[in-house]
Amino acid sequence: MADEESGGSKGTDWGSPRSKTVTWYDPMVNATAASTLSGLEFLYAVRDGALPRPPIAQLMGFTLVEVAPGLAVFECIPDESVYNPIGVVHGGLVSTLTDSAAGCAVQSSLEAGVAYTTIDINVTFLRPVTKDTGLIRATGRLTKPGRRVAYATVEVTDGAGKLLAQATSSCLIMDTRDSG
């Protein structure tokens, strides 16, 4: 078992090993900027490349492509590096996309010095995703803003517009301007 865990093949033809290199920037650059910009200004800066993509986006290969008040859209082209043991994209990638889209839809409504964190997210998977699915798009929409809790929904679609997953989320709103 130890040989399998370390990547040894024990004579089994697994083919050539594959690799993926991930690079990212100091996440505190974004955290500092997020505390001084409105949520919408911050998201525009990330979308437009004035601020770096967060490490999780670099790791999983997704990008914020559209943002407006109450709206955040991420895109991703999954590859086999995010496959689970049964040969489809792991639900964790889709869940991370929905969490990002929901959270950023909420963030787009926040003033400078106000932050959020996910309380819960409920993802319903409707179709399998593979590398052959191609581009997937997670569209998050703020459904109910709030002073303490905000709610958002997300739809994940493929390039043809077929619904792959949907999610609901609630986020805790935190006014960081008063913390001292």
Protein backbone atom coordinates (compact mmCIF):
# COMPACT_ATOMS: atom_id res chain seq x y z
CA MET A 1 0.00 0.00 0.00
CA ALA A 2 2.81 2.44 0.78
CA ASP A 3 4.16 2.02 -2.77
CA GLU A 4 0.75 2.93 -4.26
CA GLU A 5 0.45 5.98 -2.01
CA SER A 6 3.87 7.23 -3.04
CA GLY A 7 3.02 6.89 -6.74
CA GLY A 8 4.94 3.67 -7.42
CA SER A 9 3.28 1.36 -9.90
CA LYS A 10 4.34 -2.11 -8.60
CA GLY A 11 4.54 -3.24 -12.21
CA THR A 12 1.10 -1.89 -13.18
CA ASP A 13 1.05 0.20 -16.35
CA TRP A 14 -0.34 3.49 -15.15
CA GLY A 15 1.19 5.44 -18.01
CA SER A 16 3.41 8.45 -17.53
CA PRO A 17 2.85 10.61 -14.46
CA ARG A 18 1.31 14.00 -15.10
CA SER A 19 2.01 17.22 -13.25
CA LYS A 20 0.59 20.68 -12.74
CA THR A 21 2.47 23.72 -11.52
CA VAL A 22 0.59 26.30 -9.49
CA THR A 23 1.87 29.78 -8.73
CA TRP A 24 0.18 32.52 -6.74
CA TYR A 25 0.79 35.85 -5.08
CA ASP A 26 0.72 36.76 -1.41
CA PRO A 27 -2.98 36.59 -0.45
CA MET A 28 -2.50 39.43 2.04
CA VAL A 29 -2.18 41.85 -0.90
CA ASN A 30 -5.84 41.20 -1.68
CA ALA A 31 -6.89 41.09 1.97
CA THR A 32 -5.41 44.54 2.53
CA ALA A 33 -7.04 45.94 -0.60
CA ALA A 34 -10.39 44.37 0.32
CA SER A 35 -10.42 46.32 3.59
CA THR A 36 -10.09 49.68 1.83
CA LEU A 37 -12.26 49.20 -1.27
CA SER A 38 -15.98 48.61 -1.62
CA GLY A 39 -16.80 45.01 -2.51
CA LEU A 40 -17.63 46.02 -6.07
CA GLU A 41 -14.42 48.05 -6.49
CA PHE A 42 -12.40 45.13 -5.13
CA LEU A 43 -14.04 42.62 -7.47
CA TYR A 44 -13.51 44.90 -10.47
CA ALA A 45 -9.81 45.11 -9.53
CA VAL A 46 -9.51 41.31 -9.39
CA ARG A 47 -11.47 40.83 -12.61
CA ASP A 48 -9.41 43.47 -14.44
CA GLY A 49 -6.03 42.20 -13.17
CA ALA A 50 -5.24 45.23 -10.97
CA LEU A 51 -5.18 42.72 -8.09
CA PRO A 52 -4.05 39.09 -8.39
CA ARG A 53 -6.41 36.14 -8.60
CA PRO A 54 -6.73 34.48 -5.19
CA PRO A 55 -4.62 31.35 -4.59
CA ILE A 56 -7.70 29.07 -4.69
CA ALA A 57 -8.56 30.37 -8.17
CA GLN A 58 -4.99 29.73 -9.31
CA LEU A 59 -5.04 26.23 -7.82
CA MET A 60 -8.36 25.21 -9.33
CA GLY A 61 -8.05 27.19 -12.55
CA PHE A 62 -11.06 29.47 -12.39
CA THR A 63 -11.41 33.14 -13.19
CA LEU A 64 -13.83 35.93 -12.25
CA VAL A 65 -15.09 37.08 -15.65
CA GLU A 66 -18.10 39.24 -14.86
CA VAL A 67 -19.15 41.36 -11.92
CA ALA A 68 -21.94 43.85 -11.30
CA PRO A 69 -23.98 44.84 -8.25
CA GLY A 70 -25.41 41.58 -6.91
CA LEU A 71 -23.74 39.46 -9.61
CA ALA A 72 -20.50 37.47 -9.88
CA VAL A 73 -19.63 35.05 -12.68
CA PHE A 74 -16.71 32.63 -12.67
CA GLU A 75 -15.51 30.40 -15.50
CA CYS A 76 -13.38 27.29 -15.47
CA ILE A 77 -12.24 24.64 -17.92
CA PRO A 78 -11.77 21.55 -15.74
CA ASP A 79 -8.98 19.15 -16.56
CA GLU A 80 -8.19 15.70 -15.24
CA SER A 81 -6.14 17.12 -12.35
CA VAL A 82 -9.47 17.70 -10.56
CA TYR A 83 -10.86 14.21 -11.23
CA ASN A 84 -12.09 11.96 -8.44
CA PRO A 85 -11.34 8.21 -8.39
CA ILE A 86 -14.30 7.33 -10.65
CA GLY A 87 -13.20 9.51 -13.57
CA VAL A 88 -15.30 12.65 -13.28
CA VAL A 89 -14.59 16.13 -11.95
CA HIS A 90 -14.66 16.09 -8.15
CA GLY A 91 -17.69 17.79 -6.63
CA GLY A 92 -15.27 19.90 -4.61
CA LEU A 93 -14.35 21.92 -7.70
CA VAL A 94 -17.99 22.68 -8.47
CA SER A 95 -18.67 23.40 -4.81
CA THR A 96 -15.71 25.80 -4.65
CA LEU A 97 -16.94 27.56 -7.78
CA THR A 98 -20.43 27.96 -6.29
CA ASP A 99 -19.02 29.19 -2.98
CA SER A 100 -16.91 31.76 -4.83
CA ALA A 101 -19.77 32.94 -7.06
CA ALA A 102 -22.23 33.21 -4.16
CA GLY A 103 -19.75 34.93 -1.87
CA CYS A 104 -18.63 37.41 -4.49
CA ALA A 105 -22.24 38.20 -5.42
CA VAL A 106 -22.72 39.12 -1.75
CA GLN A 107 -19.37 40.95 -1.62
CA SER A 108 -20.41 43.10 -4.59
CA SER A 109 -23.03 44.73 -2.35
CA LEU A 110 -20.72 45.56 0.57
CA GLU A 111 -19.16 48.88 1.54
CA ALA A 112 -15.45 49.31 2.22
CA GLY A 113 -14.55 47.82 5.60
CA VAL A 114 -17.39 45.30 5.50
CA ALA A 115 -16.53 41.64 4.91
CA TYR A 116 -18.39 38.36 4.63
CA THR A 117 -17.83 34.69 5.28
CA THR A 118 -19.89 31.72 4.19
CA ILE A 119 -22.26 30.34 6.80
CA ASP A 120 -23.51 27.50 4.64
CA ILE A 121 -23.79 26.37 1.08
CA ASN A 122 -26.06 23.71 -0.37
CA VAL A 123 -25.01 22.39 -3.77
CA THR A 124 -27.21 20.15 -5.90
CA PHE A 125 -25.33 18.32 -8.66
CA LEU A 126 -27.52 17.69 -11.70
CA ARG A 127 -25.10 16.36 -14.35
CA PRO A 128 -21.59 14.91 -14.24
CA VAL A 129 -18.70 17.15 -15.28
CA THR A 130 -15.63 15.81 -17.10
CA LYS A 131 -12.74 17.39 -18.97
CA ASP A 132 -14.85 16.91 -22.10
CA THR A 133 -17.55 19.19 -20.65
CA GLY A 134 -15.31 22.11 -21.53
CA LEU A 135 -16.01 25.56 -20.16
CA ILE A 136 -18.25 25.70 -17.09
CA ARG A 137 -19.74 28.93 -15.81
CA ALA A 138 -20.93 29.65 -12.25
CA THR A 139 -23.31 32.61 -12.04
CA GLY A 140 -23.92 33.90 -8.53
CA ARG A 141 -26.78 36.27 -7.74
CA LEU A 142 -27.49 38.10 -4.52
CA THR A 143 -31.08 37.22 -3.60
CA LYS A 144 -31.39 39.00 -0.26
CA PRO A 145 -28.90 41.49 1.13
CA GLY A 146 -28.80 41.99 4.86
CA ARG A 147 -26.97 43.77 7.65
CA ARG A 148 -26.03 40.49 9.40
CA VAL A 149 -26.82 37.74 6.88
CA ALA A 150 -27.09 37.84 3.08
CA TYR A 151 -28.35 35.14 0.72
CA ALA A 152 -27.29 34.17 -2.79
CA THR A 153 -28.05 31.55 -5.43
CA VAL A 154 -25.76 30.06 -8.07
CA GLU A 155 -26.30 28.24 -11.33
CA VAL A 156 -23.48 26.27 -12.94
CA THR A 157 -23.86 25.70 -16.67
CA ASP A 158 -21.81 24.24 -19.49
CA GLY A 159 -20.93 26.00 -22.75
CA ALA A 160 -24.29 25.03 -24.27
CA GLY A 161 -26.17 26.49 -21.30
CA LYS A 162 -27.14 23.12 -19.77
CA LEU A 163 -27.60 23.31 -16.01
CA LEU A 164 -24.93 21.21 -14.27
CA ALA A 165 -25.47 22.25 -10.65
CA GLN A 166 -27.26 24.82 -8.54
CA ALA A 167 -26.60 26.15 -5.08
CA THR A 168 -27.95 28.34 -2.32
CA SER A 169 -25.78 30.07 0.23
CA SER A 170 -26.00 32.30 3.26
CA CYS A 171 -23.15 34.59 4.29
CA LEU A 172 -22.39 36.30 7.58
CA ILE A 173 -21.79 40.05 7.15
CA MET A 174 -19.02 41.47 9.36
CA ASP A 175 -18.32 45.17 9.82
CA THR A 176 -14.55 45.22 10.28
CA ARG A 177 -14.42 49.02 10.60
CA ASP A 178 -15.48 48.78 14.26
CA SER A 179 -12.94 46.16 15.31
CA GLY A 180 -10.03 47.68 17.10
